[in-house]
PDB file of N, CA and C in Angstrom:
ATOM      1  N   MET A   1      49.200 -88.669  90.905  1.00  0.00           N
ATOM      2  CA  MET A   1      49.004 -87.770  89.792  1.00  0.00           C
ATOM      3  C   MET A   1      47.743 -86.948  90.046  1.00  0.00           C
ATOM      4  N   THR A   2      47.845 -85.659  89.863  1.00  0.00           N
ATOM      5  CA  THR A   2      46.695 -84.779  90.055  1.00  0.00           C
ATOM      6  C   THR A   2      45.901 -84.684  88.758  1.00  0.00           C
ATOM      7  N   LEU A   3      44.686 -84.169  88.866  1.00  0.00           N
ATOM      8  CA  LEU A   3      43.852 -83.989  87.685  1.00  0.00           C
ATOM      9  C   LEU A   3      44.531 -83.031  86.706  1.00  0.00           C
ATOM     10  N   GLN A   4      45.126 -81.970  87.233  1.00  0.00           N
ATOM     11  CA  GLN A   4      45.789 -81.001  86.364  1.00  0.00           C
ATOM     12  C   GLN A   4      46.970 -81.622  85.631  1.00  0.00           C
ATOM     13  N   SER A   5      47.772 -82.430  86.326  1.00  0.00           N
ATOM     14  CA  SER A   5      48.919 -83.066  85.661  1.00  0.00           C
ATOM     15  C   SER A   5      48.437 -84.081  84.614  1.00  0.00           C
ATOM     16  N   LEU A   6      47.311 -84.733  84.884  1.00  0.00           N
ATOM     17  CA  LEU A   6      46.744 -85.653  83.906  1.00  0.00           C
ATOM     18  C   LEU A   6      46.261 -84.893  82.672  1.00  0.00           C
ATOM     19  N   GLN A   7      45.593 -83.766  82.890  1.00  0.00           N
ATOM     20  CA  GLN A   7      45.132 -82.944  81.765  1.00  0.00           C
ATOM     21  C   GLN A   7      46.321 -82.421  80.949  1.00  0.00           C
ATOM     22  N   ASP A   8      47.386 -82.024  81.621  1.00  0.00           N
ATOM     23  CA  ASP A   8      48.588 -81.564  80.922  1.00  0.00           C
ATOM     24  C   ASP A   8      49.182 -82.681  80.071  1.00  0.00           C
ATOM     25  N   LEU A   9      49.239 -83.882  80.618  1.00  0.00           N
ATOM     26  CA  LEU A   9      49.770 -85.030  79.888  1.00  0.00           C
ATOM     27  C   LEU A   9      48.910 -85.340  78.660  1.00  0.00           C
ATOM     28  N   ILE A  10      47.603 -85.242  78.818  1.00  0.00           N
ATOM     29  CA  ILE A  10      46.674 -85.486  77.710  1.00  0.00           C
ATOM     30  C   ILE A  10      46.926 -84.486  76.585  1.00  0.00           C
ATOM     31  N   GLN A  11      47.115 -83.220  76.945  1.00  0.00           N
ATOM     32  CA  GLN A  11      47.384 -82.199  75.926  1.00  0.00           C
ATOM     33  C   GLN A  11      48.746 -82.410  75.281  1.00  0.00           C
ATOM     34  N   GLU A  12      49.739 -82.726  76.099  1.00  0.00           N
ATOM     35  CA  GLU A  12      51.101 -82.923  75.583  1.00  0.00           C
ATOM     36  C   GLU A  12      51.164 -84.087  74.596  1.00  0.00           C
ATOM     37  N   LYS A  13      50.505 -85.187  74.915  1.00  0.00           N
ATOM     38  CA  LYS A  13      50.532 -86.384  74.075  1.00  0.00           C
ATOM     39  C   LYS A  13      49.433 -86.385  73.009  1.00  0.00           C
ATOM     40  N   LYS A  14      48.588 -85.335  73.016  1.00  0.00           N
ATOM     41  CA  LYS A  14      47.473 -85.213  72.065  1.00  0.00           C
ATOM     42  C   LYS A  14      46.561 -86.441  72.096  1.00  0.00           C
ATOM     43  N   VAL A  15      46.195 -86.828  73.313  1.00  0.00           N
ATOM     44  CA  VAL A  15      45.324 -87.980  73.523  1.00  0.00           C
ATOM     45  C   VAL A  15      43.908 -87.630  73.075  1.00  0.00           C
ATOM     46  N   LYS A  16      43.289 -88.516  72.306  1.00  0.00           N
ATOM     47  CA  LYS A  16      41.929 -88.298  71.809  1.00  0.00           C
ATOM     48  C   LYS A  16      40.884 -89.023  72.651  1.00  0.00           C
ATOM     49  N   ASN A  17      41.191 -90.255  73.096  1.00  0.00           N
ATOM     50  CA  ASN A  17      40.252 -91.077  73.871  1.00  0.00           C
ATOM     51  C   ASN A  17      40.942 -91.642  75.101  1.00  0.00           C
ATOM     52  N   ILE A  18      40.141 -91.858  76.132  1.00  0.00           N
ATOM     53  CA  ILE A  18      40.633 -92.491  77.356  1.00  0.00           C
ATOM     54  C   ILE A  18      39.898 -93.816  77.493  1.00  0.00           C
ATOM     55  N   ASP A  19      40.654 -94.868  77.721  1.00  0.00           N
ATOM     56  CA  ASP A  19      40.103 -96.213  77.815  1.00  0.00           C
ATOM     57  C   ASP A  19      40.423 -96.747  79.208  1.00  0.00           C
ATOM     58  N   LEU A  20      39.399 -97.024  79.995  1.00  0.00           N
ATOM     59  CA  LEU A  20      39.604 -97.521  81.359  1.00  0.00           C
ATOM     60  C   LEU A  20      39.027 -98.919  81.502  1.00  0.00           C
ATOM     61  N   LYS A  21      39.779 -99.776  82.167  1.00  0.00           N
ATOM     62  CA  LYS A  21      39.289-101.105  82.537  1.00  0.00           C
ATOM     63  C   LYS A  21      39.572-101.262  84.021  1.00  0.00           C
ATOM     64  N   TYR A  22      38.567-101.712  84.758  1.00  0.00           N
ATOM     65  CA  TYR A  22      38.753-101.880  86.197  1.00  0.00           C
ATOM     66  C   TYR A  22      37.818-102.954  86.720  1.00  0.00           C
ATOM     67  N   VAL A  23      38.074-103.381  87.944  1.00  0.00           N
ATOM     68  CA  VAL A  23      37.303-104.435  88.589  1.00  0.00           C
ATOM     69  C   VAL A  23      36.677-103.862  89.853  1.00  0.00           C
ATOM     70  N   ASP A  24      35.390-104.192  90.097  1.00  0.00           N
ATOM     71  CA  ASP A  24      34.770-103.735  91.333  1.00  0.00           C
ATOM     72  C   ASP A  24      35.104-104.704  92.471  1.00  0.00           C
ATOM     73  N   LEU A  25      34.539-104.454  93.640  1.00  0.00           N
ATOM     74  CA  LEU A  25      34.899-105.235  94.829  1.00  0.00           C
ATOM     75  C   LEU A  25      34.485-106.697  94.761  1.00  0.00           C
ATOM     76  N   VAL A  26      33.482-107.020  93.940  1.00  0.00           N
ATOM     77  CA  VAL A  26      33.053-108.414  93.836  1.00  0.00           C
ATOM     78  C   VAL A  26      33.641-109.103  92.606  1.00  0.00           C
ATOM     79  N   GLY A  27      34.525-108.415  91.895  1.00  0.00           N
ATOM     80  CA  GLY A  27      35.236-109.049  90.794  1.00  0.00           C
ATOM     81  C   GLY A  27      34.630-108.884  89.413  1.00  0.00           C
ATOM     82  N   ARG A  28      33.639-107.998  89.277  1.00  0.00           N
ATOM     83  CA  ARG A  28      33.062-107.748  87.949  1.00  0.00           C
ATOM     84  C   ARG A  28      33.952-106.760  87.197  1.00  0.00           C
ATOM     85  N   TRP A  29      34.248-107.087  85.950  1.00  0.00           N
ATOM     86  CA  TRP A  29      35.071-106.214  85.128  1.00  0.00           C
ATOM     87  C   TRP A  29      34.212-105.138  84.478  1.00  0.00           C
ATOM     88  N   TYR A  30      34.745-103.930  84.413  1.00  0.00           N
ATOM     89  CA  TYR A  30      34.080-102.820  83.737  1.00  0.00           C
ATOM     90  C   TYR A  30      35.040-102.237  82.719  1.00  0.00           C
ATOM     91  N   HIS A  31      34.475-101.735  81.645  1.00  0.00           N
ATOM     92  CA  HIS A  31      35.274-101.131  80.586  1.00  0.00           C
ATOM     93  C   HIS A  31      34.551 -99.877  80.129  1.00  0.00           C
ATOM     94  N   ILE A  32      35.243 -98.757  80.139  1.00  0.00           N
ATOM     95  CA  ILE A  32      34.648 -97.497  79.696  1.00  0.00           C
ATOM     96  C   ILE A  32      35.637 -96.792  78.783  1.00  0.00           C
ATOM     97  N   ASN A  33      35.103 -96.176  77.743  1.00  0.00           N
ATOM     98  CA  ASN A  33      35.912 -95.417  76.811  1.00  0.00           C
ATOM     99  C   ASN A  33      35.192 -94.099  76.582  1.00  0.00           C
ATOM    100  N   PHE A  34      35.914 -92.983  76.693  1.00  0.00           N
ATOM    101  CA  PHE A  34      35.293 -91.690  76.483  1.00  0.00           C
ATOM    102  C   PHE A  34      36.300 -90.727  75.878  1.00  0.00           C
ATOM    103  N   PRO A  35      35.807 -89.664  75.201  1.00  0.00           N
ATOM    104  CA  PRO A  35      36.712 -88.685  74.622  1.00  0.00           C
ATOM    105  C   PRO A  35      37.506 -87.975  75.720  1.00  0.00           C
ATOM    106  N   ALA A  36      38.769 -87.743  75.472  1.00  0.00           N
ATOM    107  CA  ALA A  36      39.631 -87.099  76.474  1.00  0.00           C
ATOM    108  C   ALA A  36      39.104 -85.724  76.856  1.00  0.00           C
ATOM    109  N   ARG A  37      38.447 -85.042  75.928  1.00  0.00           N
ATOM    110  CA  ARG A  37      37.935 -83.699  76.238  1.00  0.00           C
ATOM    111  C   ARG A  37      36.817 -83.741  77.279  1.00  0.00           C
ATOM    112  N   ARG A  38      36.276 -84.923  77.554  1.00  0.00           N
ATOM    113  CA  ARG A  38      35.203 -85.064  78.542  1.00  0.00           C
ATOM    114  C   ARG A  38      35.727 -85.476  79.924  1.00  0.00           C
ATOM    115  N   LEU A  39      37.034 -85.456  80.111  1.00  0.00           N
ATOM    116  CA  LEU A  39      37.619 -85.888  81.383  1.00  0.00           C
ATOM    117  C   LEU A  39      37.063 -85.090  82.562  1.00  0.00           C
ATOM    118  N   ASP A  40      36.925 -83.772  82.410  1.00  0.00           N
ATOM    119  CA  ASP A  40      36.390 -82.945  83.497  1.00  0.00           C
ATOM    120  C   ASP A  40      35.011 -83.435  83.921  1.00  0.00           C
ATOM    121  N   TYR A  41      34.167 -83.731  82.943  1.00  0.00           N
ATOM    122  CA  TYR A  41      32.808 -84.197  83.247  1.00  0.00           C
ATOM    123  C   TYR A  41      32.854 -85.533  83.981  1.00  0.00           C
ATOM    124  N   VAL A  42      33.654 -86.462  83.462  1.00  0.00           N
ATOM    125  CA  VAL A  42      33.748 -87.790  84.077  1.00  0.00           C
ATOM    126  C   VAL A  42      34.266 -87.669  85.503  1.00  0.00           C
ATOM    127  N   MET A  43      35.258 -86.818  85.695  1.00  0.00           N
ATOM    128  CA  MET A  43      35.814 -86.653  87.036  1.00  0.00           C
ATOM    129  C   MET A  43      34.821 -85.954  87.968  1.00  0.00           C
ATOM    130  N   SER A  44      33.983 -85.087  87.427  1.00  0.00           N
ATOM    131  CA  SER A  44      33.008 -84.372  88.258  1.00  0.00           C
ATOM    132  C   SER A  44      31.800 -85.229  88.618  1.00  0.00           C
ATOM    133  N   TYR A  45      31.334 -86.044  87.677  1.00  0.00           N
ATOM    134  CA  TYR A  45      30.090 -86.767  87.894  1.00  0.00           C
ATOM    135  C   TYR A  45      30.229 -88.280  87.911  1.00  0.00           C
ATOM    136  N   GLY A  46      31.395 -88.789  87.534  1.00  0.00           N
ATOM    137  CA  GLY A  46      31.511 -90.228  87.386  1.00  0.00           C
ATOM    138  C   GLY A  46      32.392 -90.912  88.399  1.00  0.00           C
ATOM    139  N   ILE A  47      32.745 -90.215  89.469  1.00  0.00           N
ATOM    140  CA  ILE A  47      33.615 -90.818  90.461  1.00  0.00           C
ATOM    141  C   ILE A  47      32.781 -91.658  91.427  1.00  0.00           C
ATOM    142  N   PRO A  48      33.060 -92.964  91.517  1.00  0.00           N
ATOM    143  CA  PRO A  48      32.306 -93.785  92.469  1.00  0.00           C
ATOM    144  C   PRO A  48      32.666 -93.400  93.912  1.00  0.00           C
ATOM    145  N   PHE A  49      31.767 -93.670  94.806  1.00  0.00           N
ATOM    146  CA  PHE A  49      32.048 -93.391  96.207  1.00  0.00           C
ATOM    147  C   PHE A  49      31.592 -94.561  97.046  1.00  0.00           C
ATOM    148  N   ASP A  50      32.140 -94.647  98.233  1.00  0.00           N
ATOM    149  CA  ASP A  50      31.847 -95.767  99.114  1.00  0.00           C
ATOM    150  C   ASP A  50      31.096 -95.245 100.337  1.00  0.00           C
ATOM    151  N   GLU A  51      29.822 -94.948 100.142  1.00  0.00           N
ATOM    152  CA  GLU A  51      28.976 -94.470 101.224  1.00  0.00           C
ATOM    153  C   GLU A  51      27.619 -95.148 101.108  1.00  0.00           C
ATOM    154  N   ASN A  52      26.921 -95.226 102.204  1.00  0.00           N
ATOM    155  CA  ASN A  52      25.565 -95.739 102.202  1.00  0.00           C
ATOM    156  C   ASN A  52      24.624 -94.556 102.055  1.00  0.00           C
ATOM    157  N   ILE A  53      24.084 -94.344 100.843  1.00  0.00           N
ATOM    158  CA  ILE A  53      23.244 -93.167 100.630  1.00  0.00           C
ATOM    159  C   ILE A  53      21.926 -93.244 101.400  1.00  0.00           C
ATOM    160  N   PHE A  54      21.543 -94.434 101.847  1.00  0.00           N
ATOM    161  CA  PHE A  54      20.296 -94.557 102.605  1.00  0.00           C
ATOM    162  C   PHE A  54      20.443 -94.019 104.028  1.00  0.00           C
ATOM    163  N   SER A  55      21.690 -93.784 104.455  1.00  0.00           N
ATOM    164  CA  SER A  55      21.903 -93.169 105.768  1.00  0.00           C
ATOM    165  C   SER A  55      21.950 -91.649 105.659  1.00  0.00           C
ATOM    166  N   TRP A  56      21.904 -91.117 104.455  1.00  0.00           N
ATOM    167  CA  TRP A  56      21.914 -89.670 104.232  1.00  0.00           C
ATOM    168  C   TRP A  56      20.558 -89.067 104.588  1.00  0.00           C
ATOM    169  N   SER A  57      20.560 -87.763 104.810  1.00  0.00           N
ATOM    170  CA  SER A  57      19.294 -87.061 105.006  1.00  0.00           C
ATOM    171  C   SER A  57      18.533 -87.050 103.681  1.00  0.00           C
ATOM    172  N   GLU A  58      17.234 -86.869 103.768  1.00  0.00           N
ATOM    173  CA  GLU A  58      16.416 -86.845 102.553  1.00  0.00           C
ATOM    174  C   GLU A  58      16.840 -85.702 101.638  1.00  0.00           C
ATOM    175  N   GLU A  59      17.192 -84.582 102.234  1.00  0.00           N
ATOM    176  CA  GLU A  59      17.623 -83.420 101.448  1.00  0.00           C
ATOM    177  C   GLU A  59      18.891 -83.735 100.639  1.00  0.00           C
ATOM    178  N   LYS A  60      19.837 -84.410 101.272  1.00  0.00           N
ATOM    179  CA  LYS A  60      21.082 -84.769 100.581  1.00  0.00           C
ATOM    180  C   LYS A  60      20.817 -85.810  99.489  1.00  0.00           C
ATOM    181  N   ARG A  61      19.948 -86.781  99.764  1.00  0.00           N
ATOM    182  CA  ARG A  61      19.607 -87.791  98.751  1.00  0.00           C
ATOM    183  C   ARG A  61      18.918 -87.156  97.545  1.00  0.00           C
ATOM    184  N   ASN A  62      18.033 -86.182  97.804  1.00  0.00           N
ATOM    185  CA  ASN A  62      17.306 -85.526  96.716  1.00  0.00           C
ATOM    186  C   ASN A  62      18.223 -84.692  95.832  1.00  0.00           C
ATOM    187  N   ALA A  63      19.387 -84.332  96.331  1.00  0.00           N
ATOM    188  CA  ALA A  63      20.340 -83.537  95.550  1.00  0.00           C
ATOM    189  C   ALA A  63      21.147 -84.393  94.568  1.00  0.00           C
ATOM    190  N   LEU A  64      21.056 -85.731  94.716  1.00  0.00           N
ATOM    191  CA  LEU A  64      21.783 -86.608  93.789  1.00  0.00           C
ATOM    192  C   LEU A  64      21.188 -86.510  92.387  1.00  0.00           C
ATOM    193  N   PRO A  65      22.034 -86.443  91.368  1.00  0.00           N
ATOM    194  CA  PRO A  65      21.474 -86.457  90.012  1.00  0.00           C
ATOM    195  C   PRO A  65      20.860 -87.818  89.729  1.00  0.00           C
ATOM    196  N   ALA A  66      19.753 -87.821  89.030  1.00  0.00           N
ATOM    197  CA  ALA A  66      19.056 -89.075  88.736  1.00  0.00           C
ATOM    198  C   ALA A  66      19.035 -89.304  87.227  1.00  0.00           C
ATOM    199  N   ILE A  67      19.057 -90.568  86.847  1.00  0.00           N
ATOM    200  CA  ILE A  67      18.935 -90.890  85.434  1.00  0.00           C
ATOM    201  C   ILE A  67      17.463 -90.956  85.078  1.00  0.00           C
ATOM    202  N   PRO A  68      17.117 -90.723  83.820  1.00  0.00           N
ATOM    203  CA  PRO A  68      15.702 -90.790  83.424  1.00  0.00           C
ATOM    204  C   PRO A  68      15.118 -92.180  83.685  1.00  0.00           C
ATOM    205  N   ALA A  69      13.868 -92.204  84.116  1.00  0.00           N
ATOM    206  CA  ALA A  69      13.215 -93.470  84.452  1.00  0.00           C
ATOM    207  C   ALA A  69      12.551 -94.119  83.240  1.00  0.00           C
ATOM    208  N   THR A  70      12.272 -93.333  82.214  1.00  0.00           N
ATOM    209  CA  THR A  70      11.597 -93.868  81.034  1.00  0.00           C
ATOM    210  C   THR A  70      12.303 -93.391  79.768  1.00  0.00           C
ATOM    211  N   LEU A  71      11.980 -94.026  78.663  1.00  0.00           N
ATOM    212  CA  LEU A  71      12.522 -93.590  77.376  1.00  0.00           C
ATOM    213  C   LEU A  71      12.078 -92.165  77.080  1.00  0.00           C
ATOM    214  N   GLU A  72      10.843 -91.852  77.392  1.00  0.00           N
ATOM    215  CA  GLU A  72      10.342 -90.497  77.131  1.00  0.00           C
ATOM    216  C   GLU A  72      11.138 -89.453  77.901  1.00  0.00           C
ATOM    217  N   GLU A  73      11.419 -89.717  79.180  1.00  0.00           N
ATOM    218  CA  GLU A  73      12.233 -88.790  79.972  1.00  0.00           C
ATOM    219  C   GLU A  73      13.643 -88.668  79.398  1.00  0.00           C
ATOM    220  N   ALA A  74      14.207 -89.781  78.961  1.00  0.00           N
ATOM    221  CA  ALA A  74      15.553 -89.765  78.380  1.00  0.00           C
ATOM    222  C   ALA A  74      15.584 -88.917  77.109  1.00  0.00           C
ATOM    223  N   LEU A  75      14.555 -89.038  76.288  1.00  0.00           N
ATOM    224  CA  LEU A  75      14.491 -88.245  75.062  1.00  0.00           C
ATOM    225  C   LEU A  75      14.320 -86.760  75.364  1.00  0.00           C
ATOM    226  N   GLN A  76      13.537 -86.451  76.390  1.00  0.00           N
ATOM    227  CA  GLN A  76      13.374 -85.048  76.790  1.00  0.00           C
ATOM    228  C   GLN A  76      14.708 -84.462  77.250  1.00  0.00           C
ATOM    229  N   GLU A  77      15.463 -85.247  78.023  1.00  0.00           N
ATOM    230  CA  GLU A  77      16.778 -84.782  78.482  1.00  0.00           C
ATOM    231  C   GLU A  77      17.751 -84.638  77.317  1.00  0.00           C
ATOM    232  N   LEU A  78      17.691 -85.571  76.383  1.00  0.00           N
ATOM    233  CA  LEU A  78      18.556 -85.490  75.200  1.00  0.00           C
ATOM    234  C   LEU A  78      18.243 -84.242  74.393  1.00  0.00           C
ATOM    235  N   LYS A  79      16.966 -83.927  74.271  1.00  0.00           N
ATOM    236  CA  LYS A  79      16.562 -82.734  73.526  1.00  0.00           C
ATOM    237  C   LYS A  79      17.091 -81.467  74.207  1.00  0.00           C
ATOM    238  N   LYS A  80      17.063 -81.439  75.552  1.00  0.00           N
ATOM    239  CA  LYS A  80      17.538 -80.274  76.294  1.00  0.00           C
ATOM    240  C   LYS A  80      19.055 -80.135  76.257  1.00  0.00           C
ATOM    241  N   ASP A  81      19.774 -81.269  76.302  1.00  0.00           N
ATOM    242  CA  ASP A  81      21.227 -81.209  76.439  1.00  0.00           C
ATOM    243  C   ASP A  81      21.900 -82.221  75.522  1.00  0.00           C
ATOM    244  N   HIS A  82      22.293 -81.763  74.337  1.00  0.00           N
ATOM    245  CA  HIS A  82      23.007 -82.645  73.421  1.00  0.00           C
ATOM    246  C   HIS A  82      24.164 -81.940  72.717  1.00  0.00           C
ATOM    247  N   ASP A  83      24.547 -80.773  73.233  1.00  0.00           N
ATOM    248  CA  ASP A  83      25.641 -80.016  72.614  1.00  0.00           C
ATOM    249  C   ASP A  83      26.937 -80.820  72.559  1.00  0.00           C
ATOM    250  N   TYR A  84      27.184 -81.637  73.585  1.00  0.00           N
ATOM    251  CA  TYR A  84      28.410 -82.429  73.608  1.00  0.00           C
ATOM    252  C   TYR A  84      28.457 -83.439  72.466  1.00  0.00           C
ATOM    253  N   LEU A  85      27.294 -83.850  71.961  1.00  0.00           N
ATOM    254  CA  LEU A  85      27.258 -84.787  70.836  1.00  0.00           C
ATOM    255  C   LEU A  85      27.580 -84.103  69.507  1.00  0.00           C
ATOM    256  N   LEU A  86      27.437 -82.784  69.480  1.00  0.00           N
ATOM    257  CA  LEU A  86      27.719 -82.034  68.259  1.00  0.00           C
ATOM    258  C   LEU A  86      29.205 -81.729  68.109  1.00  0.00           C
ATOM    259  N   GLU A  87      29.954 -81.837  69.215  1.00  0.00           N
ATOM    260  CA  GLU A  87      31.386 -81.546  69.171  1.00  0.00           C
ATOM    261  C   GLU A  87      32.101 -82.503  68.221  1.00  0.00           C
ATOM    262  N   GLY A  88      32.984 -81.959  67.433  1.00  0.00           N
ATOM    263  CA  GLY A  88      33.776 -82.790  66.535  1.00  0.00           C
ATOM    264  C   GLY A  88      33.061 -83.175  65.261  1.00  0.00           C
ATOM    265  N   GLY A  89      31.802 -82.765  65.099  1.00  0.00           N
ATOM    266  CA  GLY A  89      31.075 -83.041  63.875  1.00  0.00           C
ATOM    267  C   GLY A  89      30.664 -84.491  63.680  1.00  0.00           C
ATOM    268  N   VAL A  90      30.676 -85.283  64.753  1.00  0.00           N
ATOM    269  CA  VAL A  90      30.287 -86.692  64.620  1.00  0.00           C
ATOM    270  C   VAL A  90      28.784 -86.816  64.407  1.00  0.00           C
ATOM    271  N   PHE A  91      28.006 -86.074  65.197  1.00  0.00           N
ATOM    272  CA  PHE A  91      26.553 -86.084  65.062  1.00  0.00           C
ATOM    273  C   PHE A  91      26.105 -84.696  64.629  1.00  0.00           C
ATOM    274  N   SER A  92      25.041 -84.648  63.850  1.00  0.00           N
ATOM    275  CA  SER A  92      24.483 -83.356  63.446  1.00  0.00           C
ATOM    276  C   SER A  92      23.189 -83.109  64.215  1.00  0.00           C
ATOM    277  N   GLU A  93      22.784 -81.853  64.250  1.00  0.00           N
ATOM    278  CA  GLU A  93      21.516 -81.488  64.893  1.00  0.00           C
ATOM    279  C   GLU A  93      20.363 -82.242  64.241  1.00  0.00           C
ATOM    280  N   MET A  94      20.409 -82.359  62.908  1.00  0.00           N
ATOM    281  CA  MET A  94      19.354 -83.042  62.166  1.00  0.00           C
ATOM    282  C   MET A  94      19.278 -84.527  62.549  1.00  0.00           C
ATOM    283  N   LEU A  95      20.439 -85.166  62.717  1.00  0.00           N
ATOM    284  CA  LEU A  95      20.464 -86.579  63.099  1.00  0.00           C
ATOM    285  C   LEU A  95      19.866 -86.777  64.493  1.00  0.00           C
ATOM    286  N   ILE A  96      20.250 -85.929  65.424  1.00  0.00           N
ATOM    287  CA  ILE A  96      19.746 -86.052  66.799  1.00  0.00           C
ATOM    288  C   ILE A  96      18.239 -85.798  66.838  1.00  0.00           C
ATOM    289  N   ASP A  97      17.785 -84.751  66.138  1.00  0.00           N
ATOM    290  CA  ASP A  97      16.345 -84.466  66.091  1.00  0.00           C
ATOM    291  C   ASP A  97      15.578 -85.620  65.457  1.00  0.00           C
ATOM    292  N   GLY A  98      16.149 -86.213  64.405  1.00  0.00           N
ATOM    293  CA  GLY A  98      15.507 -87.352  63.752  1.00  0.00           C
ATOM    294  C   GLY A  98      15.410 -88.556  64.667  1.00  0.00           C
ATOM    295  N   LEU A  99      16.474 -88.811  65.427  1.00  0.00           N
ATOM    296  CA  LEU A  99      16.463 -89.923  66.382  1.00  0.00           C
ATOM    297  C   LEU A  99      15.384 -89.705  67.437  1.00  0.00           C
ATOM    298  N   ILE A 100      15.323 -88.500  67.970  1.00  0.00           N
ATOM    299  CA  ILE A 100      14.326 -88.188  68.996  1.00  0.00           C
ATOM    300  C   ILE A 100      12.914 -88.381  68.440  1.00  0.00           C
ATOM    301  N   GLU A 101      12.698 -87.887  67.221  1.00  0.00           N
ATOM    302  CA  GLU A 101      11.374 -88.019  66.591  1.00  0.00           C
ATOM    303  C   GLU A 101      10.987 -89.486  66.398  1.00  0.00           C
ATOM    304  N   GLU A 102      11.907 -90.304  65.915  1.00  0.00           N
ATOM    305  CA  GLU A 102      11.607 -91.726  65.687  1.00  0.00           C
ATOM    306  C   GLU A 102      11.372 -92.463  67.006  1.00  0.00           C
ATOM    307  N   LYS A 103      12.190 -92.184  67.997  1.00  0.00           N
ATOM    308  CA  LYS A 103      12.025 -92.851  69.291  1.00  0.00           C
ATOM    309  C   LYS A 103      10.735 -92.413  69.993  1.00  0.00           C
ATOM    310  N   MET A 104      10.305 -91.174  69.768  1.00  0.00           N
ATOM    311  CA  MET A 104       9.035 -90.728  70.352  1.00  0.00           C
ATOM    312  C   MET A 104       7.863 -91.492  69.743  1.00  0.00           C
ATOM    313  N   LYS A 105       7.998 -91.923  68.501  1.00  0.00           N
ATOM    314  CA  LYS A 105       6.961 -92.767  67.900  1.00  0.00           C
ATOM    315  C   LYS A 105       6.839 -94.083  68.670  1.00  0.00           C
ATOM    316  N   GLU A 106       7.977 -94.624  69.115  1.00  0.00           N
ATOM    317  CA  GLU A 106       7.964 -95.844  69.926  1.00  0.00           C
ATOM    318  C   GLU A 106       7.269 -95.590  71.258  1.00  0.00           C
ATOM    319  N   VAL A 107       7.557 -94.432  71.873  1.00  0.00           N
ATOM    320  CA  VAL A 107       6.937 -94.081  73.156  1.00  0.00           C
ATOM    321  C   VAL A 107       5.420 -94.034  72.993  1.00  0.00           C
ATOM    322  N   VAL A 108       4.950 -93.374  71.942  1.00  0.00           N
ATOM    323  CA  VAL A 108       3.508 -93.266  71.698  1.00  0.00           C
ATOM    324  C   VAL A 108       2.912 -94.652  71.473  1.00  0.00           C
ATOM    325  N   ALA A 109       3.572 -95.484  70.674  1.00  0.00           N
ATOM    326  CA  ALA A 109       3.056 -96.828  70.383  1.00  0.00           C
ATOM    327  C   ALA A 109       2.928 -97.659  71.661  1.00  0.00           C
ATOM    328  N   VAL A 110       3.919 -97.592  72.528  1.00  0.00           N
ATOM    329  CA  VAL A 110       3.879 -98.354  73.779  1.00  0.00           C
ATOM    330  C   VAL A 110       2.781 -97.809  74.700  1.00  0.00           C
ATOM    331  N   ASN A 111       2.660 -96.485  74.768  1.00  0.00           N
ATOM    332  CA  ASN A 111       1.656 -95.882  75.651  1.00  0.00           C
ATOM    333  C   ASN A 111       0.231 -96.131  75.190  1.00  0.00           C
ATOM    334  N   GLU A 112       0.030 -96.392  73.915  1.00  0.00           N
ATOM    335  CA  GLU A 112      -1.314 -96.615  73.383  1.00  0.00           C
ATOM    336  C   GLU A 112      -1.800 -98.047  73.559  1.00  0.00           C
ATOM    337  N   ARG A 113      -0.926 -98.929  73.994  1.00  0.00           N
ATOM    338  CA  ARG A 113      -1.301-100.342  74.107  1.00  0.00           C
ATOM    339  C   ARG A 113      -1.285-100.782  75.572  1.00  0.00           C
ATOM    340  N   PRO A 114      -2.250-101.595  75.958  1.00  0.00           N
ATOM    341  CA  PRO A 114      -2.252-102.089  77.341  1.00  0.00           C
ATOM    342  C   PRO A 114      -1.152-103.140  77.536  1.00  0.00           C
ATOM    343  N   THR A 115      -0.626-103.183  78.730  1.00  0.00           N
ATOM    344  CA  THR A 115       0.365-104.201  79.076  1.00  0.00           C
ATOM    345  C   THR A 115      -0.358-105.508  79.393  1.00  0.00           C
ATOM    346  N   PRO A 116       0.361-106.631  79.386  1.00  0.00           N
ATOM    347  CA  PRO A 116      -0.282-107.897  79.778  1.00  0.00           C
ATOM    348  C   PRO A 116      -0.890-107.806  81.183  1.00  0.00           C
ATOM    349  N   TYR A 117      -0.245-107.096  82.083  1.00  0.00           N
ATOM    350  CA  TYR A 117      -0.793-106.947  83.438  1.00  0.00           C
ATOM    351  C   TYR A 117      -2.131-106.211  83.399  1.00  0.00           C
ATOM    352  N   GLU A 118      -2.208-105.146  82.605  1.00  0.00           N
ATOM    353  CA  GLU A 118      -3.466-104.388  82.499  1.00  0.00           C
ATOM    354  C   GLU A 118      -4.561-105.258  81.864  1.00  0.00           C
ATOM    355  N   MET A 119      -4.189-106.038  80.883  1.00  0.00           N
ATOM    356  CA  MET A 119      -5.171-106.930  80.261  1.00  0.00           C
ATOM    357  C   MET A 119      -5.748-107.885  81.293  1.00  0.00           C
ATOM    358  N   ASN A 120      -4.885-108.442  82.114  1.00  0.00           N
ATOM    359  CA  ASN A 120      -5.327-109.364  83.147  1.00  0.00           C
ATOM    360  C   ASN A 120      -6.134-108.658  84.219  1.00  0.00           C
ATOM    361  N   LEU A 121      -5.713-107.475  84.581  1.00  0.00           N
ATOM    362  CA  LEU A 121      -6.367-106.733  85.655  1.00  0.00           C
ATOM    363  C   LEU A 121      -7.758-106.253  85.255  1.00  0.00           C
ATOM    364  N   TYR A 122      -7.886-105.725  84.060  1.00  0.00           N
ATOM    365  CA  TYR A 122      -9.144-105.103  83.654  1.00  0.00           C
ATOM    366  C   TYR A 122     -10.041-105.974  82.787  1.00  0.00           C
ATOM    367  N   PHE A 123      -9.459-106.889  82.028  1.00  0.00           N
ATOM    368  CA  PHE A 123     -10.265-107.692  81.118  1.00  0.00           C
ATOM    369  C   PHE A 123     -10.369-109.144  81.566  1.00  0.00           C
ATOM    370  N   ASN A 124      -9.593-109.506  82.562  1.00  0.00           N
ATOM    371  CA  ASN A 124      -9.622-110.838  83.160  1.00  0.00           C
ATOM    372  C   ASN A 124      -9.599-111.940  82.088  1.00  0.00           C
ATOM    373  N   LEU A 125      -8.639-111.814  81.177  1.00  0.00           N
ATOM    374  CA  LEU A 125      -8.539-112.805  80.101  1.00  0.00           C
ATOM    375  C   LEU A 125      -7.664-113.957  80.497  1.00  0.00           C
TER     376      LEU A 125
END
């Protein structure tokens, strides 16, 4: 089945969500559910591959999309790109902005406090 024939079937049957269950090579089960309208995105960015990326050139490795390393980075990315969450009226702009604002308070609170490692390193307690 091609991607186009799958998209045609989705439109014909008026599919709203796609539910996938699969097993990886070591036997771990995975379950993913996403809106059918996001199939293009999932197919473009979510296809697993069987390559050793450490054998790639540095330039090719740097071209890989990366996930945010911290909550703050994740919130910045959410602020830049959240239009897909507004589709269908499930989330509002106000709700997303409120979530970002509240989570940024957590980021500030964590950044203002020393970690146990820092306490040990600098205060030798």
